Amino acid sequence: MKITDVVLTVVGVPRHTGFVNKHIIVKLLTDEGVTGIGEMSDFSHLPRYAPDVQDLTRVLKQIVVGKNPFDFELINKELLDNFPEAMYYYEKGSFIRNGIDNALHDLCAKYLGVSVSELLGGRQQDKIKVCYPIFRHRFMDEVKENVKVVRERFQQGFDEFRLYAGKNIDADEAFLAEIEKEFGSKVTIKSLDFSHLLDWKSSARAVKRLSKYNFTLVESPAYKNDFDGLRHFRFKVEHPVSEHVWSFRQQYEMIKNDSVDIFNISPVFIGGLTSARKAAAAAAIAEKSCLLGTTQELSIGTAAMAHLGCAMSNLDYTSDPTGPELYVNDVVKEKVTYENGYLIPPSRDIAGLGIELDEEKMKQYQLDDLSWSEVSVHQLQDRTSQTR
């Protein structure tokens, strides 16, 4: 079997907040008539640049057309040579590699008549506990609205939440107090996610202030690639510390410096399922736990993570992929499902990722390119249509 063509389609799908996220849907065509699909998820990030899609298509065709799709390592090496790691987790090259690697796994699993989780080594669990994100407070009057989000999502079965923290600690504390008062032990705050906004000392002071409330772990409490700072923070606080993996060099430095307890692994940030498996294996060798991170993917990218998570042996903490719940719609016939706070992977009886494109929805949300509209930095960081 040989790959004969690469088709990239830009789509823009609104979130419930009104912010429109832009993604690229990937199709890999073959001479056997089998098509693999993937997702380059969420190009709407800082830094504010995006590839030219026509040029990207030409480059990817040069890399993959004529290749055997089972040559994962060979193709990923060539992708990495052309779209190298940049020690930054919103690096667009990782998004590109992730989309192609998703599609390779979908294609090969379909050809073999097995699910992607079988291709990844088989399932060790049948569902993944996930949390719903609560976006960052910039103003005190946003607390009431975020408590309402928890109330509504709790009714839908979500009982764990991740709080983006650190911009307004007074508001963060007010939110945690309201959640404890209204829900008690019925709701868990999985993490305080500082998203590299603060230096490690400021994060440590914030955690000390907020530690009278219940939360499980702390994420990204130091500036990006500050491995010493992460280590100092980890040994200063009692909560487990998590950090994203966005390059193998960065993961090596975190292992060497004993900087974290938990590796936050997401295919979109490390460049695909092939690389994510390696990162999870490195974590296991270092005797570290893992959780699945997210950039809030659509259903294709989320399904890929569901297959990955179900095949992992060290997925020890509640994970983050709830992207399809944040969007008003999707580009597939049936979205991935959530039940009682768990992500349910597509049936292992369905070959590939278990997700089918809806061509009408693809047309509905299709865009010409990834060009930027006039949005503020705050909108990009918090994925909101608010301009204040």
Protein backbone atom coordinates (compact mmCIF):
# COMPACT_ATOMS: atom_id res chain seq x y z
CA MET A 1 0.00 0.00 0.00
CA LYS A 2 1.29 3.47 -0.93
CA ILE A 3 0.09 6.97 -0.07
CA THR A 4 -1.06 8.73 -3.23
CA ASP A 5 -2.28 12.12 -2.02
CA VAL A 6 -2.61 14.52 0.91
CA VAL A 7 -5.70 16.71 1.28
CA LEU A 8 -5.80 19.52 3.88
CA THR A 9 -9.03 21.33 4.73
CA VAL A 10 -9.14 24.36 7.03
CA VAL A 11 -12.20 24.56 9.29
CA GLY A 12 -13.24 27.18 11.82
CA VAL A 13 -15.54 25.91 14.58
CA PRO A 14 -16.92 28.32 17.22
CA ARG A 15 -16.68 27.62 20.91
CA HIS A 16 -19.63 28.31 23.20
CA THR A 17 -17.76 31.48 24.24
CA GLY A 18 -17.94 32.75 20.66
CA PHE A 19 -14.23 32.32 19.91
CA VAL A 20 -13.64 30.55 16.58
CA ASN A 21 -10.86 27.96 16.66
CA LYS A 22 -9.17 27.03 13.39
CA HIS A 23 -8.08 23.47 12.65
CA ILE A 24 -6.82 21.54 9.62
CA ILE A 25 -8.49 18.24 8.79
CA VAL A 26 -6.11 15.81 7.09
CA LYS A 27 -6.92 13.09 4.57
CA LEU A 28 -4.30 10.60 3.40
CA LEU A 29 -5.35 8.73 0.24
CA THR A 30 -3.85 5.43 -0.92
CA ASP A 31 -3.66 3.17 -3.96
CA GLU A 32 -5.67 0.57 -2.01
CA GLY A 33 -8.66 2.90 -1.69
CA VAL A 34 -8.27 3.26 2.09
CA THR A 35 -8.29 6.81 3.47
CA GLY A 36 -6.87 7.90 6.80
CA ILE A 37 -8.05 11.05 8.61
CA GLY A 38 -6.26 13.23 11.14
CA GLU A 39 -6.49 16.62 12.79
CA MET A 40 -4.00 19.45 13.08
CA SER A 41 -5.71 20.89 16.10
CA ASP A 42 -6.23 24.50 17.10
CA PHE A 43 -3.92 26.84 15.20
CA SER A 44 -5.50 29.76 17.09
CA HIS A 45 -2.63 30.20 19.52
CA LEU A 46 0.19 32.56 20.27
CA PRO A 47 2.67 33.02 18.66
CA ARG A 48 0.47 34.68 16.09
CA TYR A 49 1.63 33.08 12.86
CA ALA A 50 0.26 30.29 10.71
CA PRO A 51 1.45 28.30 7.70
CA ASP A 52 0.27 28.91 4.16
CA VAL A 53 -1.97 25.89 3.60
CA GLN A 54 -1.29 25.51 -0.12
CA ASP A 55 2.45 25.57 0.49
CA LEU A 56 2.08 23.19 3.44
CA THR A 57 0.14 20.76 1.24
CA ARG A 58 2.92 20.79 -1.37
CA VAL A 59 5.58 20.13 1.26
CA LEU A 60 3.65 17.29 2.89
CA LYS A 61 3.01 15.66 -0.48
CA GLN A 62 6.77 15.63 -1.10
CA ILE A 63 7.28 13.94 2.28
CA VAL A 64 4.56 11.27 2.31
CA VAL A 65 3.34 10.53 -1.23
CA GLY A 66 4.76 7.22 -2.42
CA LYS A 67 5.54 6.11 1.15
CA ASN A 68 4.23 2.97 2.82
CA PRO A 69 2.01 4.36 5.64
CA PHE A 70 3.27 1.63 8.00
CA ASP A 71 6.71 3.27 7.94
CA PHE A 72 5.81 5.40 10.96
CA GLU A 73 9.37 6.00 12.12
CA LEU A 74 10.70 6.88 8.68
CA ILE A 75 7.87 9.31 7.96
CA ASN A 76 8.02 10.88 11.42
CA LYS A 77 11.77 11.40 11.09
CA GLU A 78 11.28 13.25 7.81
CA LEU A 79 8.46 15.29 9.33
CA LEU A 80 10.68 16.19 12.27
CA ASP A 81 13.50 17.22 9.93
CA ASN A 82 11.12 19.61 8.13
CA PHE A 83 9.11 20.75 11.18
CA PRO A 84 11.61 20.53 14.07
CA GLU A 85 10.97 20.78 17.78
CA ALA A 86 11.29 24.31 19.12
CA MET A 87 11.08 23.78 22.92
CA TYR A 88 7.70 25.51 22.97
CA TYR A 89 4.37 23.74 23.31
CA TYR A 90 2.42 25.97 20.89
CA GLU A 91 4.95 25.39 18.13
CA LYS A 92 2.94 24.95 14.94
CA GLY A 93 5.30 22.28 13.58
CA SER A 94 4.14 19.89 16.31
CA PHE A 95 0.52 20.48 15.29
CA ILE A 96 1.40 19.63 11.68
CA ARG A 97 3.27 16.44 12.59
CA ASN A 98 0.42 15.41 14.89
CA GLY A 99 -2.18 15.67 12.12
CA ILE A 100 -0.20 13.50 9.72
CA ASP A 101 0.64 10.94 12.40
CA ASN A 102 -3.06 10.74 13.47
CA ALA A 103 -3.97 10.01 9.87
CA LEU A 104 -1.22 7.38 9.48
CA HIS A 105 -2.55 5.50 12.51
CA ASP A 106 -6.15 5.76 11.30
CA LEU A 107 -5.14 4.56 7.83
CA CYS A 108 -3.04 1.61 8.95
CA ALA A 109 -5.56 0.46 11.55
CA LYS A 110 -8.34 0.58 8.95
CA TYR A 111 -6.22 -1.45 6.54
CA LEU A 112 -5.66 -4.10 9.21
CA GLY A 113 -9.28 -4.01 10.37
CA VAL A 114 -8.40 -3.10 13.98
CA SER A 115 -8.89 -0.07 16.20
CA VAL A 116 -6.04 2.37 16.75
CA SER A 117 -5.79 1.27 20.38
CA GLU A 118 -4.91 -2.24 19.15
CA LEU A 119 -2.24 -0.69 16.92
CA LEU A 120 -0.89 1.07 20.04
CA GLY A 121 -0.59 -2.18 21.99
CA GLY A 122 -4.11 -2.93 23.16
CA ARG A 123 -6.44 -1.44 25.75
CA GLN A 124 -5.62 -1.41 29.43
CA GLN A 125 -8.76 0.52 30.34
CA ASP A 126 -12.08 1.16 28.64
CA LYS A 127 -12.64 4.78 29.67
CA ILE A 128 -10.63 7.80 30.79
CA LYS A 129 -11.51 10.09 33.67
CA VAL A 130 -11.47 13.71 32.47
CA CYS A 131 -12.00 17.18 33.89
CA TYR A 132 -13.74 20.25 32.49
CA PRO A 133 -11.69 23.49 32.16
CA ILE A 134 -12.58 26.67 34.02
CA PHE A 135 -10.95 29.54 32.20
CA ARG A 136 -8.83 32.16 33.88
CA HIS A 137 -10.29 34.90 36.06
CA ARG A 138 -9.12 38.35 35.08
CA PHE A 139 -11.90 40.16 36.96
CA MET A 140 -13.79 39.41 40.14
CA ASP A 141 -17.16 39.57 38.38
CA GLU A 142 -16.18 36.52 36.30
CA VAL A 143 -16.36 34.29 39.39
CA LYS A 144 -20.14 34.07 39.33
CA GLU A 145 -20.16 33.01 35.67
CA ASN A 146 -17.53 30.33 36.26
CA VAL A 147 -19.46 28.91 39.22
CA LYS A 148 -22.43 28.71 36.87
CA VAL A 149 -20.30 26.72 34.41
CA VAL A 150 -19.44 24.22 37.15
CA ARG A 151 -23.12 23.99 38.11
CA GLU A 152 -24.21 23.29 34.53
CA ARG A 153 -21.44 20.81 33.74
CA PHE A 154 -21.95 19.01 37.06
CA GLN A 155 -25.54 18.36 35.97
CA GLN A 156 -24.11 16.78 32.80
CA GLY A 157 -21.94 14.39 34.80
CA PHE A 158 -18.61 16.24 35.13
CA ASP A 159 -17.42 16.24 38.73
CA GLU A 160 -13.75 17.23 38.24
CA PHE A 161 -12.58 20.63 37.03
CA ARG A 162 -9.27 22.25 36.10
CA LEU A 163 -8.85 25.90 37.12
CA TYR A 164 -6.64 28.14 34.99
CA ALA A 165 -5.18 30.26 37.79
CA GLY A 166 -2.69 32.99 38.50
CA LYS A 167 -3.98 36.14 36.82
CA ASN A 168 -6.23 37.30 39.66
CA ILE A 169 -5.56 35.33 42.85
CA ASP A 170 -8.34 37.12 44.74
CA ALA A 171 -10.83 35.91 42.14
CA ASP A 172 -9.31 32.41 42.13
CA GLU A 173 -9.77 32.21 45.88
CA ALA A 174 -13.33 33.53 45.70
CA PHE A 175 -14.14 30.88 43.07
CA LEU A 176 -12.67 28.03 45.13
CA ALA A 177 -14.57 29.24 48.21
CA GLU A 178 -17.86 29.30 46.30
CA ILE A 179 -17.27 25.83 44.87
CA GLU A 180 -16.48 24.40 48.29
CA LYS A 181 -19.54 26.09 49.80
CA GLU A 182 -21.98 24.92 47.11
CA PHE A 183 -20.64 21.47 46.24
CA GLY A 184 -18.45 20.30 49.10
CA SER A 185 -16.88 16.94 48.30
CA LYS A 186 -19.17 16.31 45.31
CA VAL A 187 -16.85 18.33 43.06
CA THR A 188 -13.07 17.98 42.79
CA ILE A 189 -10.65 20.62 41.55
CA LYS A 190 -8.15 18.50 39.64
CA SER A 191 -5.52 21.19 39.30
CA LEU A 192 -4.45 24.77 39.51
CA ASP A 193 -2.99 25.43 36.05
CA PHE A 194 -0.68 28.46 36.08
CA SER A 195 0.19 28.08 32.37
CA HIS A 196 3.72 29.51 32.87
CA LEU A 197 2.32 32.95 33.71
CA LEU A 198 4.25 33.25 36.98
CA ASP A 199 7.77 32.58 38.16
CA TRP A 200 8.05 29.62 40.52
CA LYS A 201 8.25 31.74 43.69
CA SER A 202 5.05 33.62 42.84
CA SER A 203 3.31 30.34 42.06
CA ALA A 204 4.50 28.89 45.37
CA ARG A 205 3.03 31.88 47.25
CA ALA A 206 -0.26 31.48 45.38
CA VAL A 207 -0.43 27.76 46.15
CA LYS A 208 0.30 28.40 49.83
CA ARG A 209 -2.55 30.92 49.92
CA LEU A 210 -5.01 28.64 48.10
CA SER A 211 -4.02 25.35 49.74
CA LYS A 212 -6.79 25.65 52.35
CA TYR A 213 -9.06 24.55 49.49
CA ASN A 214 -9.04 21.09 47.98
CA PHE A 215 -7.17 20.56 44.72
CA THR A 216 -5.18 17.55 43.56
CA LEU A 217 -2.13 18.91 41.75
CA VAL A 218 -0.41 21.98 40.31
CA GLU A 219 0.42 22.46 36.63
CA SER A 220 3.00 24.63 34.87
CA PRO A 221 4.01 26.71 37.93
CA ALA A 222 7.22 28.16 36.45
CA TYR A 223 8.28 29.99 33.33
CA LYS A 224 8.66 27.82 30.23
CA ASN A 225 11.78 25.62 30.30
CA ASP A 226 12.79 26.78 33.78
CA PHE A 227 13.77 23.31 34.94
CA ASP A 228 15.55 24.52 38.07
CA GLY A 229 12.54 26.61 39.01
CA LEU A 230 10.21 23.66 38.54
CA ARG A 231 12.43 21.57 40.80
CA HIS A 232 12.56 24.25 43.50
CA PHE A 233 8.78 24.57 43.33
CA ARG A 234 8.26 20.80 43.49
CA PHE A 235 10.30 20.44 46.67
CA LYS A 236 8.66 23.48 48.27
CA VAL A 237 5.00 22.46 47.92
CA GLU A 238 3.16 19.33 49.02
CA HIS A 239 1.01 18.89 45.92
CA PRO A 240 2.19 16.81 42.95
CA VAL A 241 3.57 18.93 40.09
CA SER A 242 2.73 18.42 36.42
CA GLU A 243 4.23 19.87 33.27
CA HIS A 244 3.53 19.46 29.55
CA VAL A 245 5.95 17.55 27.33
CA TRP A 246 6.63 19.55 24.17
CA SER A 247 9.99 18.12 23.11
CA PHE A 248 12.13 15.15 23.99
CA ARG A 249 14.99 17.44 25.00
CA GLN A 250 12.68 19.24 27.41
CA GLN A 251 11.44 15.93 28.85
CA TYR A 252 15.04 14.79 29.27
CA GLU A 253 15.85 17.97 31.21
CA MET A 254 12.81 17.50 33.48
CA ILE A 255 13.82 13.90 34.20
CA LYS A 256 17.46 14.88 34.80
CA ASN A 257 16.47 17.70 37.16
CA ASP A 258 13.71 15.65 38.86
CA SER A 259 11.46 18.63 38.13
CA VAL A 260 8.01 17.02 38.06
CA ASP A 261 5.88 14.21 39.40
CA ILE A 262 3.55 13.96 36.40
CA PHE A 263 4.16 14.37 32.70
CA ASN A 264 1.30 16.05 30.84
CA ILE A 265 1.37 14.31 27.45
CA SER A 266 -0.66 15.45 24.47
CA PRO A 267 -0.03 14.28 20.89
CA VAL A 268 -0.62 17.78 19.51
CA PHE A 269 2.21 19.24 21.60
CA ILE A 270 4.76 16.45 21.10
CA GLY A 271 3.94 15.84 17.43
CA GLY A 272 1.65 12.80 17.19
CA LEU A 273 0.77 9.42 18.63
CA THR A 274 4.16 7.95 17.72
CA SER A 275 6.00 10.60 19.75
CA ALA A 276 3.42 10.57 22.57
CA ARG A 277 3.98 6.84 23.07
CA LYS A 278 7.73 7.47 23.36
CA ALA A 279 7.15 10.24 25.90
CA ALA A 280 4.88 7.97 27.96
CA ALA A 281 7.49 5.20 27.81
CA ALA A 282 10.22 7.61 28.96
CA ALA A 283 7.99 8.65 31.86
CA ALA A 284 7.48 5.01 32.84
CA ILE A 285 11.23 4.35 32.79
CA ALA A 286 11.75 7.40 35.01
CA GLU A 287 8.97 6.12 37.31
CA LYS A 288 6.82 9.19 36.68
CA SER A 289 3.06 9.33 36.26
CA CYS A 290 1.20 10.73 33.27
CA LEU A 291 -2.00 12.50 32.38
CA LEU A 292 -3.35 13.40 28.95
CA GLY A 293 -3.27 17.12 28.16
CA THR A 294 -5.20 18.99 25.51
CA THR A 295 -5.38 22.02 23.26
CA GLN A 296 -9.16 21.40 23.11
CA GLU A 297 -9.28 19.29 20.00
CA LEU A 298 -12.30 18.40 17.88
CA SER A 299 -13.52 14.79 17.87
CA ILE A 300 -10.83 13.40 15.55
CA GLY A 301 -7.97 14.59 17.75
CA THR A 302 -9.85 13.65 20.92
CA ALA A 303 -10.52 10.14 19.62
CA ALA A 304 -6.79 9.73 18.94
CA MET A 305 -6.06 10.68 22.55
CA ALA A 306 -8.74 8.32 23.82
CA HIS A 307 -7.08 5.41 21.99
CA LEU A 308 -3.68 6.48 23.34
CA GLY A 309 -4.89 6.86 26.92
CA CYS A 310 -6.62 3.50 26.94
CA ALA A 311 -3.37 1.85 25.86
CA MET A 312 -1.17 3.57 28.50
CA SER A 313 0.00 1.80 31.65
CA ASN A 314 0.95 4.92 33.63
CA LEU A 315 -2.10 7.14 33.10
CA ASP A 316 -2.48 7.74 36.83
CA TYR A 317 -4.29 11.09 37.02
CA THR A 318 -7.45 12.65 35.68
CA SER A 319 -6.90 13.92 32.14
CA ASP A 320 -7.95 17.03 30.19
CA PRO A 321 -9.44 16.16 26.74
CA THR A 322 -12.94 17.64 26.82
CA GLY A 323 -12.57 19.74 23.66
CA PRO A 324 -15.69 18.50 21.83
CA GLU A 325 -17.81 19.71 24.77
CA LEU A 326 -16.47 23.26 24.33
CA TYR A 327 -17.56 23.64 20.69
CA VAL A 328 -21.01 24.38 19.31
CA ASN A 329 -20.57 21.65 16.68
CA ASP A 330 -18.04 19.33 15.05
CA VAL A 331 -17.12 18.09 11.56
CA VAL A 332 -17.88 14.39 12.17
CA LYS A 333 -21.05 12.34 11.98
CA GLU A 334 -20.90 11.28 15.62
CA LYS A 335 -18.83 13.12 18.21
CA VAL A 336 -16.84 11.31 20.84
CA THR A 337 -18.94 10.71 23.94
CA TYR A 338 -18.64 11.50 27.63
CA GLU A 339 -20.43 9.63 30.40
CA ASN A 340 -20.36 10.59 34.08
CA GLY A 341 -17.13 12.51 33.71
CA TYR A 342 -15.36 9.89 31.58
CA LEU A 343 -14.20 10.06 27.96
CA ILE A 344 -15.48 6.94 26.23
CA PRO A 345 -13.26 5.84 23.32
CA PRO A 346 -14.81 4.64 20.07
CA SER A 347 -15.59 0.92 20.08
CA ARG A 348 -12.62 -1.34 19.56
CA ASP A 349 -14.81 -3.22 17.07
CA ILE A 350 -14.58 -0.23 14.68
CA ALA A 351 -11.41 -0.07 12.59
CA GLY A 352 -9.18 3.00 12.80
CA LEU A 353 -9.95 5.96 15.01
CA GLY A 354 -13.65 5.06 14.86
CA ILE A 355 -14.61 8.55 13.65
CA GLU A 356 -16.26 9.39 10.32
CA LEU A 357 -16.18 12.82 8.66
CA ASP A 358 -19.45 14.57 7.88
CA GLU A 359 -18.85 16.21 4.50
CA GLU A 360 -21.79 18.60 4.91
CA LYS A 361 -20.40 19.90 8.19
CA MET A 362 -16.97 20.13 6.60
CA LYS A 363 -18.44 22.43 3.96
CA GLN A 364 -20.34 24.42 6.60
CA TYR A 365 -17.20 25.25 8.59
CA GLN A 366 -14.61 25.30 5.80
CA LEU A 367 -12.35 28.36 5.53
CA ASP A 368 -9.94 29.45 2.85
CA ASP A 369 -6.92 29.77 5.09
CA LEU A 370 -5.59 30.16 8.64
CA SER A 371 -5.23 33.94 8.51
CA TRP A 372 -5.77 35.91 11.71
CA SER A 373 -8.66 38.18 12.49
CA GLU A 374 -8.29 41.10 14.89
CA VAL A 375 -8.28 39.43 18.27
CA SER A 376 -6.56 40.50 21.46
CA VAL A 377 -3.91 38.59 23.36
CA HIS A 378 -6.44 38.01 26.14
CA GLN A 379 -8.85 36.43 23.68
CA LEU A 380 -6.13 34.11 22.40
CA GLN A 381 -5.10 33.07 25.90
CA ASP A 382 -8.60 32.57 27.28
CA ARG A 383 -10.46 31.61 24.07
CA THR A 384 -13.19 34.14 24.63
CA SER A 385 -14.98 36.70 22.49
CA GLN A 386 -14.77 39.22 25.34
CA THR A 387 -12.62 42.22 24.55
CA ARG A 388 -12.19 43.90 27.92
